Amino acid sequence: MSENEKGFFKGLVKKLSGAKPVEEPSEIAEQEDVKAAEPGKVSEQEKPRTFFERLKKGLSKTSETLVGGIDRLLLGKKEIDADTLEGLEEILITADLGVTTSVELIRNLEQKLKRNELKDGAALRAALKDDILKRMEDYAVPLKTDAASPFVIMVIGVNGVGKTTTIGKLASKFKQDGKKVLLAAADTFRAAASEQLAIWGERNGVDVIKHKEGADPSAVVFDACKAALARNIDVLIVDTAGRLHTKVNLMEELKKIFRVIGREIDGAPHETLLVLDAGTGQNALSQARLFKEAASVSGIILTKLDGTAKGGIVVAVCNELKIPLRYIGVGESVEDLREFDPKEFVDALFQ
């Protein structure tokens, strides 16, 4: 019997016996490559279908801390009093709304209590939800890239917040909107940072301007600006090193990059996006204050809202920083990065 015949009968026996056929090594490799090209992808059965469902899932721990805490606080209470509000203040701080924002919310509730507007737990929840929404509405401003061409976006933030991945997602979104996008790998300090950005560029069909590791970031930016002008690029996104906000020399390097961009493209950078990790809570707020002083931050992206118990930081960021919150991220896939919708956020939080 020939080898082909043996293979045929062997396969037939396996099918009849119900055994799962063994995949060829090349087929396995192809599947692994696909998985690697689609980070964070889960099965359709496991993944919530709408963004609101994913947001609710991502905020579930924060919701348990906040709404669950309120429910336990109100259990057995027939009326709202000063002690109730004192307990509520502790819950708000625990949910990472921060001391300043929590105190302001409680002060407003105290005024409502004096006016006899908080008759029961339902009224208290409604008043709190409404006040939180009002504090965020003015800072839900979508990013518009039509004001200049090329529109230059600087992306800054410390290492580990998901900065480079966020840039890849932004590039994908702008590309889907019909924009010509160019990426600049100005994070030349972190090992493999340029390669990581190049992978995103290849995946999105977007060119990446990069130099060798350890090169002068300002030189990369200079070349990227020249290329953006020559190629009639719509949006240039500049990745920067994950500078520690306590390192003065690194902050000075960031200022140098700003000067180079402004010299090559009039009015640029047109947007400076600070990426913050929501899971770090109040530390994210501290980072934002220092970056705001050094880099004229014009917009914020909050990543990693999925699975954190510190989602209340979203409220604190809007209320205390007074900077537009452009996007929030609730997962690893491109569609998990969305423009911030305060009503959607509050509805998910008070689920």
Protein backbone atom coordinates (compact mmCIF):
# COMPACT_ATOMS: atom_id res chain seq x y z
CA MET A 1 0.00 0.00 0.00
CA SER A 2 1.33 3.41 -0.94
CA GLU A 3 2.03 6.18 1.62
CA ASN A 4 -0.90 8.23 0.24
CA GLU A 5 -3.28 5.29 0.67
CA LYS A 6 -2.02 4.73 4.22
CA GLY A 7 -2.61 8.39 5.00
CA PHE A 8 -6.12 8.24 3.52
CA PHE A 9 -7.20 5.19 5.51
CA LYS A 10 -5.58 6.51 8.66
CA GLY A 11 -7.56 9.72 8.35
CA LEU A 12 -10.76 7.80 7.59
CA VAL A 13 -10.36 5.65 10.71
CA LYS A 14 -9.88 8.76 12.85
CA LYS A 15 -13.00 10.39 11.42
CA LEU A 16 -15.11 7.27 12.02
CA SER A 17 -13.78 6.93 15.57
CA GLY A 18 -14.49 10.59 16.35
CA ALA A 19 -10.86 11.41 17.08
CA LYS A 20 -9.78 14.96 16.40
CA PRO A 21 -7.37 15.16 13.44
CA VAL A 22 -3.86 16.34 14.25
CA GLU A 23 -3.09 19.74 12.75
CA GLU A 24 -0.03 20.20 10.62
CA PRO A 25 2.70 22.39 12.18
CA SER A 26 2.21 25.02 9.45
CA GLU A 27 -1.51 25.28 10.27
CA ILE A 28 -0.77 25.68 13.98
CA ALA A 29 1.78 28.38 13.23
CA GLU A 30 -0.71 30.27 11.07
CA GLN A 31 -3.30 30.22 13.86
CA GLU A 32 -0.74 31.48 16.37
CA ASP A 33 0.22 34.28 13.97
CA VAL A 34 -3.42 35.34 13.68
CA LYS A 35 -3.79 35.36 17.46
CA ALA A 36 -0.63 37.42 17.81
CA ALA A 37 -1.94 39.90 15.23
CA GLU A 38 -5.15 40.37 17.18
CA PRO A 39 -4.17 41.01 20.82
CA GLY A 40 -6.84 40.66 23.46
CA LYS A 41 -9.31 38.96 21.14
CA VAL A 42 -11.78 36.66 22.86
CA SER A 43 -14.54 34.46 21.53
CA GLU A 44 -17.81 36.06 20.49
CA GLN A 45 -19.62 34.13 23.25
CA GLU A 46 -17.34 35.55 25.95
CA LYS A 47 -17.20 39.12 24.67
CA PRO A 48 -20.08 41.54 25.44
CA ARG A 49 -21.60 42.65 22.15
CA THR A 50 -21.98 46.41 22.70
CA PHE A 51 -19.54 48.95 24.07
CA PHE A 52 -21.99 49.80 26.87
CA GLU A 53 -22.01 46.15 27.95
CA ARG A 54 -18.20 46.10 27.91
CA LEU A 55 -18.16 49.36 29.87
CA LYS A 56 -20.55 47.94 32.47
CA LYS A 57 -18.36 44.86 32.78
CA GLY A 58 -15.23 46.99 33.08
CA LEU A 59 -16.79 49.18 35.78
CA SER A 60 -18.35 46.30 37.72
CA LYS A 61 -15.74 46.42 40.52
CA THR A 62 -16.07 50.19 40.87
CA SER A 63 -19.85 49.86 40.82
CA GLU A 64 -19.69 47.27 43.58
CA THR A 65 -17.55 49.63 45.67
CA LEU A 66 -19.74 52.68 45.05
CA VAL A 67 -23.32 51.51 44.46
CA GLY A 68 -22.90 48.34 46.52
CA GLY A 69 -21.46 50.45 49.33
CA ILE A 70 -24.40 52.89 49.14
CA ASP A 71 -26.90 50.01 49.25
CA ARG A 72 -25.24 48.59 52.35
CA LEU A 73 -25.11 52.05 53.92
CA LEU A 74 -28.84 52.61 53.37
CA LEU A 75 -29.89 49.14 54.49
CA GLY A 76 -32.50 49.50 57.25
CA LYS A 77 -32.45 53.32 57.21
CA LYS A 78 -35.85 55.01 57.03
CA GLU A 79 -34.47 58.48 56.42
CA ILE A 80 -31.32 60.26 55.24
CA ASP A 81 -29.38 62.16 57.91
CA ALA A 82 -25.94 63.72 58.48
CA ASP A 83 -24.49 60.37 59.59
CA THR A 84 -25.61 58.84 56.29
CA LEU A 85 -23.77 61.50 54.31
CA GLU A 86 -20.67 61.04 56.44
CA GLY A 87 -20.67 57.34 55.61
CA LEU A 88 -21.27 58.15 51.95
CA GLU A 89 -18.20 60.41 51.87
CA GLU A 90 -16.02 57.50 52.95
CA ILE A 91 -17.50 55.32 50.20
CA LEU A 92 -16.81 57.96 47.53
CA ILE A 93 -13.18 58.27 48.61
CA THR A 94 -12.81 54.47 48.61
CA ALA A 95 -14.11 54.41 45.02
CA ASP A 96 -11.24 56.79 44.13
CA LEU A 97 -13.28 59.91 43.43
CA GLY A 98 -10.65 61.65 45.54
CA VAL A 99 -10.96 63.77 48.65
CA THR A 100 -11.61 67.08 46.86
CA THR A 101 -14.36 65.75 44.59
CA SER A 102 -15.93 63.65 47.35
CA VAL A 103 -16.13 66.61 49.73
CA GLU A 104 -17.73 68.79 47.03
CA LEU A 105 -20.34 66.12 46.27
CA ILE A 106 -21.19 65.72 49.97
CA ARG A 107 -21.48 69.51 50.42
CA ASN A 108 -24.08 69.63 47.66
CA LEU A 109 -25.98 66.72 49.16
CA GLU A 110 -25.96 68.46 52.56
CA GLN A 111 -27.65 71.47 50.96
CA LYS A 112 -30.30 69.22 49.43
CA LEU A 113 -30.80 67.52 52.79
CA LYS A 114 -31.40 70.91 54.43
CA ARG A 115 -34.00 71.66 51.73
CA ASN A 116 -35.65 68.32 52.51
CA GLU A 117 -34.92 67.03 48.98
CA LEU A 118 -33.39 63.74 50.11
CA LYS A 119 -36.40 61.91 51.46
CA ASP A 120 -35.10 58.38 50.83
CA GLY A 121 -32.32 56.27 49.36
CA ALA A 122 -33.67 56.54 45.81
CA ALA A 123 -33.57 60.35 46.00
CA LEU A 124 -30.02 60.22 47.37
CA ARG A 125 -28.81 57.97 44.54
CA ALA A 126 -30.51 60.12 41.91
CA ALA A 127 -29.04 63.34 43.31
CA LEU A 128 -25.54 61.87 43.50
CA LYS A 129 -25.74 60.46 39.98
CA ASP A 130 -26.96 63.78 38.59
CA ASP A 131 -24.21 65.78 40.33
CA ILE A 132 -21.48 63.40 39.10
CA LEU A 133 -22.80 63.68 35.54
CA LYS A 134 -22.81 67.49 35.65
CA ARG A 135 -19.19 67.56 36.79
CA MET A 136 -18.11 65.55 33.74
CA GLU A 137 -20.30 66.90 30.94
CA ASP A 138 -18.19 69.99 30.21
CA TYR A 139 -15.07 67.85 29.71
CA ALA A 140 -16.47 65.30 27.27
CA VAL A 141 -15.10 67.07 24.19
CA PRO A 142 -14.36 64.88 21.12
CA LEU A 143 -10.98 65.28 19.44
CA LYS A 144 -11.29 67.07 16.08
CA THR A 145 -8.38 66.75 13.65
CA ASP A 146 -9.65 68.98 10.83
CA ALA A 147 -8.23 72.22 12.26
CA ALA A 148 -4.84 71.73 10.56
CA SER A 149 -3.10 69.54 8.01
CA PRO A 150 -1.03 67.79 9.10
CA PHE A 151 -2.72 67.72 12.49
CA VAL A 152 0.03 66.81 14.97
CA ILE A 153 -0.78 64.82 18.11
CA MET A 154 1.82 64.40 20.84
CA VAL A 155 1.19 61.41 23.11
CA ILE A 156 2.85 61.47 26.53
CA GLY A 157 2.71 59.46 29.75
CA VAL A 158 4.79 57.23 32.01
CA ASN A 159 5.80 53.69 31.09
CA GLY A 160 3.18 51.00 31.54
CA VAL A 161 0.04 53.07 30.95
CA GLY A 162 -0.56 51.61 27.48
CA LYS A 163 0.69 54.61 25.55
CA THR A 164 2.08 52.89 22.44
CA THR A 165 -0.89 50.51 22.19
CA THR A 166 -3.25 53.47 22.47
CA ILE A 167 -1.43 55.19 19.60
CA GLY A 168 -1.96 52.08 17.49
CA LYS A 169 -5.67 52.14 18.25
CA LEU A 170 -5.93 55.85 17.44
CA ALA A 171 -4.14 55.27 14.14
CA SER A 172 -6.65 52.55 13.29
CA LYS A 173 -9.60 54.82 14.09
CA PHE A 174 -8.27 57.75 12.03
CA LYS A 175 -7.48 55.40 9.14
CA GLN A 176 -11.05 54.08 9.23
CA ASP A 177 -12.25 57.70 9.02
CA GLY A 178 -10.35 58.06 5.74
CA LYS A 179 -7.38 59.99 7.16
CA LYS A 180 -3.79 59.60 5.96
CA VAL A 181 -1.88 58.78 9.13
CA LEU A 182 1.84 58.79 9.96
CA LEU A 183 3.44 57.61 13.20
CA ALA A 184 6.69 58.88 14.73
CA ALA A 185 8.59 56.50 17.04
CA ALA A 186 10.23 59.13 19.26
CA ASP A 187 10.41 56.74 22.23
CA THR A 188 14.01 55.77 21.54
CA PHE A 189 14.86 54.97 25.17
CA ARG A 190 12.66 51.95 25.88
CA ALA A 191 13.90 48.73 24.34
CA ALA A 192 11.72 47.54 21.45
CA ALA A 193 9.37 50.54 21.69
CA SER A 194 9.93 51.42 18.02
CA GLU A 195 9.38 47.80 17.01
CA GLN A 196 6.13 47.70 18.95
CA LEU A 197 4.90 50.82 17.18
CA ALA A 198 6.07 49.41 13.83
CA ILE A 199 3.90 46.32 14.39
CA TRP A 200 0.87 48.54 14.93
CA GLY A 201 1.82 50.54 11.84
CA GLU A 202 2.06 47.41 9.70
CA ARG A 203 -1.23 46.09 11.07
CA ASN A 204 -3.00 49.36 10.21
CA GLY A 205 -1.22 50.01 6.92
CA VAL A 206 0.39 53.15 8.37
CA ASP A 207 4.02 54.23 7.87
CA VAL A 208 6.27 54.71 10.90
CA ILE A 209 9.24 57.08 11.03
CA LYS A 210 11.88 55.62 13.34
CA HIS A 211 15.62 55.71 14.07
CA LYS A 212 17.81 53.19 15.87
CA GLU A 213 17.42 52.62 19.59
CA GLY A 214 19.02 55.38 21.67
CA ALA A 215 18.80 57.99 18.91
CA ASP A 216 17.89 61.61 19.61
CA PRO A 217 14.06 61.75 19.87
CA SER A 218 14.06 65.29 18.46
CA ALA A 219 15.78 64.01 15.30
CA VAL A 220 13.02 61.44 14.83
CA VAL A 221 10.39 64.12 15.25
CA PHE A 222 12.19 66.43 12.81
CA ASP A 223 12.20 63.71 10.12
CA ALA A 224 8.56 62.84 10.85
CA CYS A 225 7.46 66.46 10.43
CA LYS A 226 9.30 66.72 7.10
CA ALA A 227 7.75 63.46 5.92
CA ALA A 228 4.25 64.52 7.01
CA LEU A 229 4.49 67.72 4.99
CA ALA A 230 5.97 66.01 1.92
CA ARG A 231 3.37 63.21 1.89
CA ASN A 232 0.31 65.42 2.57
CA ILE A 233 -0.42 63.53 5.78
CA ASP A 234 -3.66 64.36 7.61
CA VAL A 235 -2.65 63.19 11.10
CA LEU A 236 0.85 62.78 12.55
CA ILE A 237 0.95 60.95 15.90
CA VAL A 238 4.18 61.20 17.91
CA ASP A 239 5.05 58.56 20.49
CA THR A 240 7.38 59.73 23.27
CA ALA A 241 9.43 58.04 25.97
CA GLY A 242 7.62 57.06 29.16
CA ARG A 243 9.09 59.90 31.12
CA LEU A 244 8.90 59.75 34.88
CA HIS A 245 7.21 62.95 35.94
CA THR A 246 9.83 63.37 38.69
CA LYS A 247 12.79 63.42 36.27
CA VAL A 248 13.57 67.03 35.35
CA ASN A 249 16.02 66.20 32.55
CA LEU A 250 13.48 63.98 30.79
CA MET A 251 10.85 66.67 31.03
CA GLU A 252 13.31 69.07 29.44
CA GLU A 253 13.78 66.62 26.57
CA LEU A 254 10.01 66.63 26.12
CA LYS A 255 10.03 70.42 25.90
CA LYS A 256 12.75 70.20 23.25
CA ILE A 257 10.55 67.92 21.15
CA PHE A 258 7.76 70.48 21.42
CA ARG A 259 10.06 73.21 20.15
CA VAL A 260 11.19 71.13 17.15
CA ILE A 261 7.60 70.31 16.16
CA GLY A 262 6.52 73.95 16.50
CA ARG A 263 9.42 75.11 14.37
CA GLU A 264 8.67 72.67 11.53
CA ILE A 265 4.86 72.82 11.50
CA ASP A 266 3.06 76.05 12.34
CA GLY A 267 0.92 75.79 15.47
CA ALA A 268 1.99 72.22 16.22
CA PRO A 269 1.56 70.16 18.23
CA HIS A 270 -2.16 70.81 17.89
CA GLU A 271 -3.07 68.29 20.57
CA THR A 272 -1.09 66.89 23.50
CA LEU A 273 -2.71 63.73 24.81
CA LEU A 274 -1.76 62.42 28.24
CA VAL A 275 -2.38 58.70 28.68
CA LEU A 276 -3.21 57.63 32.23
CA ASP A 277 -3.78 54.19 33.73
CA ALA A 278 -7.12 54.27 35.57
CA GLY A 279 -5.97 51.37 37.74
CA THR A 280 -3.40 53.57 39.49
CA GLY A 281 -6.15 55.74 41.00
CA GLN A 282 -5.00 58.93 42.69
CA ASN A 283 -1.44 58.42 41.42
CA ALA A 284 -2.80 59.04 37.91
CA LEU A 285 -4.14 62.37 39.13
CA SER A 286 -0.72 63.30 40.53
CA GLN A 287 0.95 62.41 37.23
CA ALA A 288 -1.57 64.52 35.33
CA ARG A 289 -0.93 67.62 37.45
CA LEU A 290 2.83 67.45 36.87
CA PHE A 291 2.55 66.70 33.14
CA LYS A 292 0.04 69.53 32.81
CA GLU A 293 2.64 71.97 34.14
CA ALA A 294 5.44 70.71 31.88
CA ALA A 295 3.67 69.88 28.64
CA SER A 296 0.49 71.94 28.23
CA VAL A 297 -1.76 68.87 28.19
CA SER A 298 -4.88 69.50 26.08
CA GLY A 299 -6.57 66.13 26.34
CA ILE A 300 -6.56 62.93 28.40
CA ILE A 301 -7.00 59.26 27.58
CA LEU A 302 -7.83 56.95 30.49
CA THR A 303 -6.89 53.34 29.80
CA LYS A 304 -7.41 50.04 31.62
CA LEU A 305 -10.82 50.80 33.08
CA ASP A 306 -11.62 47.11 32.69
CA GLY A 307 -11.37 45.21 35.94
CA THR A 308 -10.25 48.07 38.17
CA ALA A 309 -11.98 49.06 41.41
CA LYS A 310 -10.72 52.63 40.92
CA GLY A 311 -12.99 53.78 38.09
CA GLY A 312 -14.09 56.74 40.17
CA ILE A 313 -10.83 58.39 39.07
CA VAL A 314 -12.68 59.34 35.86
CA VAL A 315 -14.87 61.70 37.88
CA ALA A 316 -11.88 63.16 39.73
CA VAL A 317 -9.93 63.72 36.50
CA CYS A 318 -12.77 65.73 34.98
CA ASN A 319 -13.68 67.63 38.12
CA GLU A 320 -10.19 68.54 39.33
CA LEU A 321 -8.03 68.84 36.20
CA LYS A 322 -10.56 70.69 34.02
CA ILE A 323 -9.02 69.08 30.91
CA PRO A 324 -11.09 67.38 28.17
CA LEU A 325 -11.28 63.60 28.58
CA ARG A 326 -11.04 62.50 24.95
CA TYR A 327 -11.13 58.70 25.18
CA ILE A 328 -11.54 55.87 27.67
CA GLY A 329 -10.30 52.32 27.23
CA VAL A 330 -12.08 49.25 28.58
CA GLY A 331 -10.12 46.46 26.88
CA GLU A 332 -7.33 45.50 24.52
CA SER A 333 -9.05 45.55 21.12
CA VAL A 334 -9.36 48.64 18.91
CA GLU A 335 -13.11 48.96 19.47
CA ASP A 336 -12.52 49.07 23.25
CA LEU A 337 -11.08 52.59 22.93
CA ARG A 338 -14.00 55.02 22.62
CA GLU A 339 -14.76 58.71 22.84
CA PHE A 340 -15.80 59.55 26.38
CA ASP A 341 -19.57 59.75 26.87
CA PRO A 342 -20.32 60.94 30.45
CA LYS A 343 -23.95 59.81 30.45
CA GLU A 344 -22.98 56.34 29.24
CA PHE A 345 -20.26 56.20 31.90
CA VAL A 346 -22.56 57.25 34.75
CA ASP A 347 -25.30 54.83 33.63
CA ALA A 348 -22.75 52.01 33.60
CA LEU A 349 -21.39 53.06 37.00
CA PHE A 350 -24.85 53.12 38.62
CA GLN A 351 -25.94 49.86 36.93
